[in-house]
Amino acid sequence: MGLASRRMRTVYVAEYPAIQHRHEDGHIVTVRLKRAEGGFRALCAGCETEFVYRKPAPSAVAHFKSPLLPPVKGNWEGGDDDR
């Protein structure tokens, strides 16, 4: 498959400022996201991939403190520092 016939692949990521990914030859490559076109993007010429940063959305699931975990010193939100 020649370089002229390959298409640019777009991958949306939630990590910032650097992305590590593996090329087909097994090498791990790091690319840095830079501000471009209204967002943070990085191009990897080695695998013809464009990485686009997307800020993670807040969780739709309510998270509650586990009753099984011991109190943590400095957890002022829970009010359990008095034990």
N, C-alpha and C. Protein backbone atom coordinates (compact mmCIF):
# COMPACT_ATOMS: atom_id res chain seq x y z
N MET A 1 0.85 -1.17 0.00
CA MET A 1 0.00 0.00 0.00
C MET A 1 0.89 1.24 0.00
N GLY A 2 0.81 2.04 -1.04
CA GLY A 2 1.66 3.21 -1.15
C GLY A 2 1.16 4.37 -0.31
N LEU A 3 2.05 5.32 -0.07
CA LEU A 3 1.67 6.48 0.74
C LEU A 3 0.57 7.31 0.08
N ALA A 4 0.53 7.33 -1.26
CA ALA A 4 -0.48 8.13 -1.96
C ALA A 4 -1.88 7.56 -1.77
N SER A 5 -1.98 6.26 -1.51
CA SER A 5 -3.30 5.64 -1.39
C SER A 5 -3.82 5.62 0.05
N ARG A 6 -3.00 5.99 1.02
CA ARG A 6 -3.43 5.97 2.43
C ARG A 6 -4.21 7.22 2.77
N ARG A 7 -5.22 7.08 3.59
CA ARG A 7 -6.01 8.22 4.04
C ARG A 7 -5.59 8.63 5.44
N MET A 8 -5.73 9.93 5.73
CA MET A 8 -5.44 10.45 7.07
C MET A 8 -6.53 9.95 8.02
N ARG A 9 -6.12 9.36 9.12
CA ARG A 9 -7.05 8.85 10.13
C ARG A 9 -7.16 9.88 11.23
N THR A 10 -8.38 10.10 11.77
CA THR A 10 -8.59 11.04 12.87
C THR A 10 -8.94 10.27 14.13
N VAL A 11 -8.23 10.57 15.22
CA VAL A 11 -8.46 9.93 16.51
C VAL A 11 -8.74 11.03 17.53
N TYR A 12 -9.85 10.92 18.25
CA TYR A 12 -10.20 11.89 19.28
C TYR A 12 -9.66 11.39 20.62
N VAL A 13 -8.93 12.27 21.32
CA VAL A 13 -8.26 11.87 22.56
C VAL A 13 -8.66 12.80 23.70
N ALA A 14 -8.53 12.33 24.93
CA ALA A 14 -8.85 13.12 26.11
C ALA A 14 -7.60 13.44 26.91
N GLU A 15 -6.43 13.00 26.44
CA GLU A 15 -5.18 13.29 27.12
C GLU A 15 -4.57 14.56 26.55
N TYR A 16 -3.87 15.30 27.41
CA TYR A 16 -3.21 16.52 26.97
C TYR A 16 -1.98 16.70 27.82
N PRO A 17 -0.87 17.14 27.38
CA PRO A 17 -0.51 17.74 26.10
C PRO A 17 0.17 16.77 25.13
N ALA A 18 0.44 15.52 25.54
CA ALA A 18 1.17 14.62 24.65
C ALA A 18 0.42 13.30 24.51
N ILE A 19 0.55 12.71 23.33
CA ILE A 19 -0.10 11.43 23.04
C ILE A 19 0.99 10.44 22.66
N GLN A 20 0.94 9.27 23.27
CA GLN A 20 1.86 8.19 22.89
C GLN A 20 1.05 7.13 22.17
N HIS A 21 1.59 6.65 21.06
CA HIS A 21 0.91 5.61 20.31
C HIS A 21 1.96 4.72 19.65
N ARG A 22 1.50 3.53 19.25
CA ARG A 22 2.42 2.53 18.68
C ARG A 22 2.25 2.50 17.16
N HIS A 23 3.38 2.51 16.46
CA HIS A 23 3.36 2.37 15.01
C HIS A 23 3.35 0.90 14.64
N GLU A 24 3.09 0.61 13.38
CA GLU A 24 3.01 -0.78 12.91
C GLU A 24 4.32 -1.54 13.12
N ASP A 25 5.46 -0.83 13.12
CA ASP A 25 6.76 -1.49 13.32
C ASP A 25 7.07 -1.74 14.79
N GLY A 26 6.15 -1.35 15.70
CA GLY A 26 6.32 -1.60 17.12
C GLY A 26 6.91 -0.45 17.91
N HIS A 27 7.40 0.58 17.25
CA HIS A 27 7.98 1.73 17.95
C HIS A 27 6.88 2.57 18.60
N ILE A 28 7.16 3.05 19.81
CA ILE A 28 6.24 3.95 20.51
C ILE A 28 6.66 5.37 20.19
N VAL A 29 5.70 6.17 19.72
CA VAL A 29 5.98 7.53 19.28
C VAL A 29 5.14 8.50 20.11
N THR A 30 5.73 9.63 20.49
CA THR A 30 5.03 10.66 21.24
C THR A 30 4.86 11.89 20.35
N VAL A 31 3.63 12.40 20.29
CA VAL A 31 3.37 13.65 19.57
C VAL A 31 2.74 14.63 20.56
N ARG A 32 3.07 15.91 20.39
CA ARG A 32 2.53 16.95 21.27
C ARG A 32 1.37 17.65 20.59
N LEU A 33 0.28 17.82 21.34
CA LEU A 33 -0.87 18.56 20.83
C LEU A 33 -0.55 20.04 20.85
N LYS A 34 -0.89 20.74 19.78
CA LYS A 34 -0.68 22.18 19.69
C LYS A 34 -1.97 22.84 19.25
N ARG A 35 -2.17 24.09 19.67
CA ARG A 35 -3.39 24.81 19.31
C ARG A 35 -3.41 25.06 17.81
N ALA A 36 -4.50 24.63 17.16
CA ALA A 36 -4.68 24.84 15.72
C ALA A 36 -6.16 24.68 15.37
N GLU A 37 -6.65 25.53 14.52
CA GLU A 37 -8.03 25.44 14.02
C GLU A 37 -9.04 25.38 15.16
N GLY A 38 -8.89 26.24 16.15
CA GLY A 38 -9.86 26.31 17.23
C GLY A 38 -9.77 25.23 18.28
N GLY A 39 -8.75 24.41 18.27
CA GLY A 39 -8.61 23.36 19.26
C GLY A 39 -7.17 22.89 19.32
N PHE A 40 -6.94 21.80 20.02
CA PHE A 40 -5.60 21.22 20.13
C PHE A 40 -5.53 20.01 19.20
N ARG A 41 -4.50 19.99 18.36
CA ARG A 41 -4.34 18.92 17.38
C ARG A 41 -2.87 18.55 17.24
N ALA A 42 -2.64 17.33 16.76
CA ALA A 42 -1.29 16.88 16.45
C ALA A 42 -1.37 15.95 15.25
N LEU A 43 -0.39 16.05 14.39
CA LEU A 43 -0.31 15.17 13.22
C LEU A 43 0.90 14.26 13.38
N CYS A 44 0.71 12.99 13.10
CA CYS A 44 1.82 12.04 13.08
C CYS A 44 2.00 11.61 11.63
N ALA A 45 3.08 12.05 11.03
CA ALA A 45 3.35 11.71 9.63
C ALA A 45 3.71 10.24 9.47
N GLY A 46 4.26 9.61 10.51
CA GLY A 46 4.67 8.21 10.42
C GLY A 46 3.52 7.26 10.21
N CYS A 47 2.38 7.53 10.81
CA CYS A 47 1.21 6.65 10.66
C CYS A 47 0.03 7.39 10.04
N GLU A 48 0.27 8.62 9.60
CA GLU A 48 -0.75 9.45 8.97
C GLU A 48 -2.02 9.51 9.82
N THR A 49 -1.85 9.91 11.07
CA THR A 49 -2.96 10.02 12.01
C THR A 49 -3.01 11.44 12.54
N GLU A 50 -4.21 11.98 12.62
CA GLU A 50 -4.42 13.29 13.24
C GLU A 50 -5.08 13.05 14.59
N PHE A 51 -4.48 13.57 15.66
CA PHE A 51 -5.04 13.44 17.00
C PHE A 51 -5.72 14.76 17.34
N VAL A 52 -6.97 14.70 17.77
CA VAL A 52 -7.76 15.88 18.10
C VAL A 52 -8.19 15.76 19.55
N TYR A 53 -7.87 16.79 20.35
CA TYR A 53 -8.23 16.78 21.77
C TYR A 53 -9.69 17.13 21.94
N ARG A 54 -10.39 16.34 22.73
CA ARG A 54 -11.76 16.63 23.14
C ARG A 54 -11.81 16.55 24.65
N LYS A 55 -12.25 17.64 25.28
CA LYS A 55 -12.35 17.67 26.73
C LYS A 55 -13.36 16.62 27.19
N PRO A 56 -13.01 15.81 28.19
CA PRO A 56 -13.95 14.79 28.67
C PRO A 56 -15.20 15.42 29.24
N ALA A 57 -16.33 14.80 28.99
CA ALA A 57 -17.61 15.28 29.52
C ALA A 57 -17.75 14.81 30.97
N PRO A 58 -18.47 15.57 31.79
CA PRO A 58 -18.72 15.13 33.15
C PRO A 58 -19.49 13.81 33.16
N SER A 59 -19.25 13.01 34.16
CA SER A 59 -19.92 11.72 34.27
C SER A 59 -21.41 11.92 34.53
N ALA A 60 -22.23 11.11 33.87
CA ALA A 60 -23.68 11.15 34.08
C ALA A 60 -24.08 10.29 35.28
N VAL A 61 -23.12 9.55 35.82
CA VAL A 61 -23.39 8.66 36.95
C VAL A 61 -22.99 9.37 38.24
N ALA A 62 -23.89 9.37 39.23
CA ALA A 62 -23.58 9.97 40.53
C ALA A 62 -22.58 9.07 41.26
N HIS A 63 -21.52 9.67 41.79
CA HIS A 63 -20.50 8.91 42.51
C HIS A 63 -20.63 9.21 44.01
N PHE A 64 -20.75 8.16 44.80
CA PHE A 64 -20.91 8.31 46.24
C PHE A 64 -19.71 7.70 46.95
N LYS A 65 -19.40 8.23 48.11
CA LYS A 65 -18.29 7.72 48.90
C LYS A 65 -18.62 6.30 49.36
N SER A 66 -17.66 5.39 49.23
CA SER A 66 -17.87 4.01 49.61
C SER A 66 -17.87 3.87 51.13
N PRO A 67 -18.86 3.17 51.70
CA PRO A 67 -18.86 2.93 53.15
C PRO A 67 -17.80 1.91 53.57
N LEU A 68 -17.19 1.20 52.61
CA LEU A 68 -16.21 0.18 52.92
C LEU A 68 -14.80 0.75 53.07
N LEU A 69 -14.55 1.94 52.53
CA LEU A 69 -13.22 2.52 52.60
C LEU A 69 -13.01 3.26 53.92
N PRO A 70 -11.81 3.18 54.50
CA PRO A 70 -11.54 3.90 55.75
C PRO A 70 -11.51 5.41 55.48
N PRO A 71 -11.76 6.22 56.50
CA PRO A 71 -11.70 7.67 56.31
C PRO A 71 -10.29 8.11 55.92
N VAL A 72 -10.20 9.13 55.10
CA VAL A 72 -8.91 9.64 54.64
C VAL A 72 -8.68 10.99 55.28
N LYS A 73 -7.53 11.14 55.94
CA LYS A 73 -7.21 12.41 56.57
C LYS A 73 -7.06 13.47 55.48
N GLY A 74 -7.74 14.58 55.65
CA GLY A 74 -7.69 15.65 54.67
C GLY A 74 -8.90 15.66 53.75
N ASN A 75 -9.83 14.71 53.91
CA ASN A 75 -11.03 14.68 53.09
C ASN A 75 -12.08 15.56 53.78
N TRP A 76 -11.99 16.88 53.56
CA TRP A 76 -12.85 17.82 54.29
C TRP A 76 -14.27 17.84 53.77
N GLU A 77 -14.49 17.35 52.56
CA GLU A 77 -15.84 17.36 52.02
C GLU A 77 -16.77 16.40 52.76
N GLY A 78 -16.23 15.29 53.21
CA GLY A 78 -17.06 14.29 53.87
C GLY A 78 -17.33 14.57 55.32
N GLY A 79 -16.52 15.40 55.96
CA GLY A 79 -16.71 15.73 57.37
C GLY A 79 -16.33 14.60 58.30
N ASP A 80 -15.58 13.60 57.83
CA ASP A 80 -15.24 12.46 58.70
C ASP A 80 -13.81 12.56 59.23
N ASP A 81 -13.24 13.76 59.32
CA ASP A 81 -11.92 13.93 59.90
C ASP A 81 -11.94 13.89 61.43
N ASP A 82 -13.12 13.97 62.01
CA ASP A 82 -13.25 14.05 63.47
C ASP A 82 -13.13 12.71 64.14
N ARG A 83 -13.06 11.62 63.41
CA ARG A 83 -13.01 10.28 64.04
C ARG A 83 -11.67 9.99 64.61
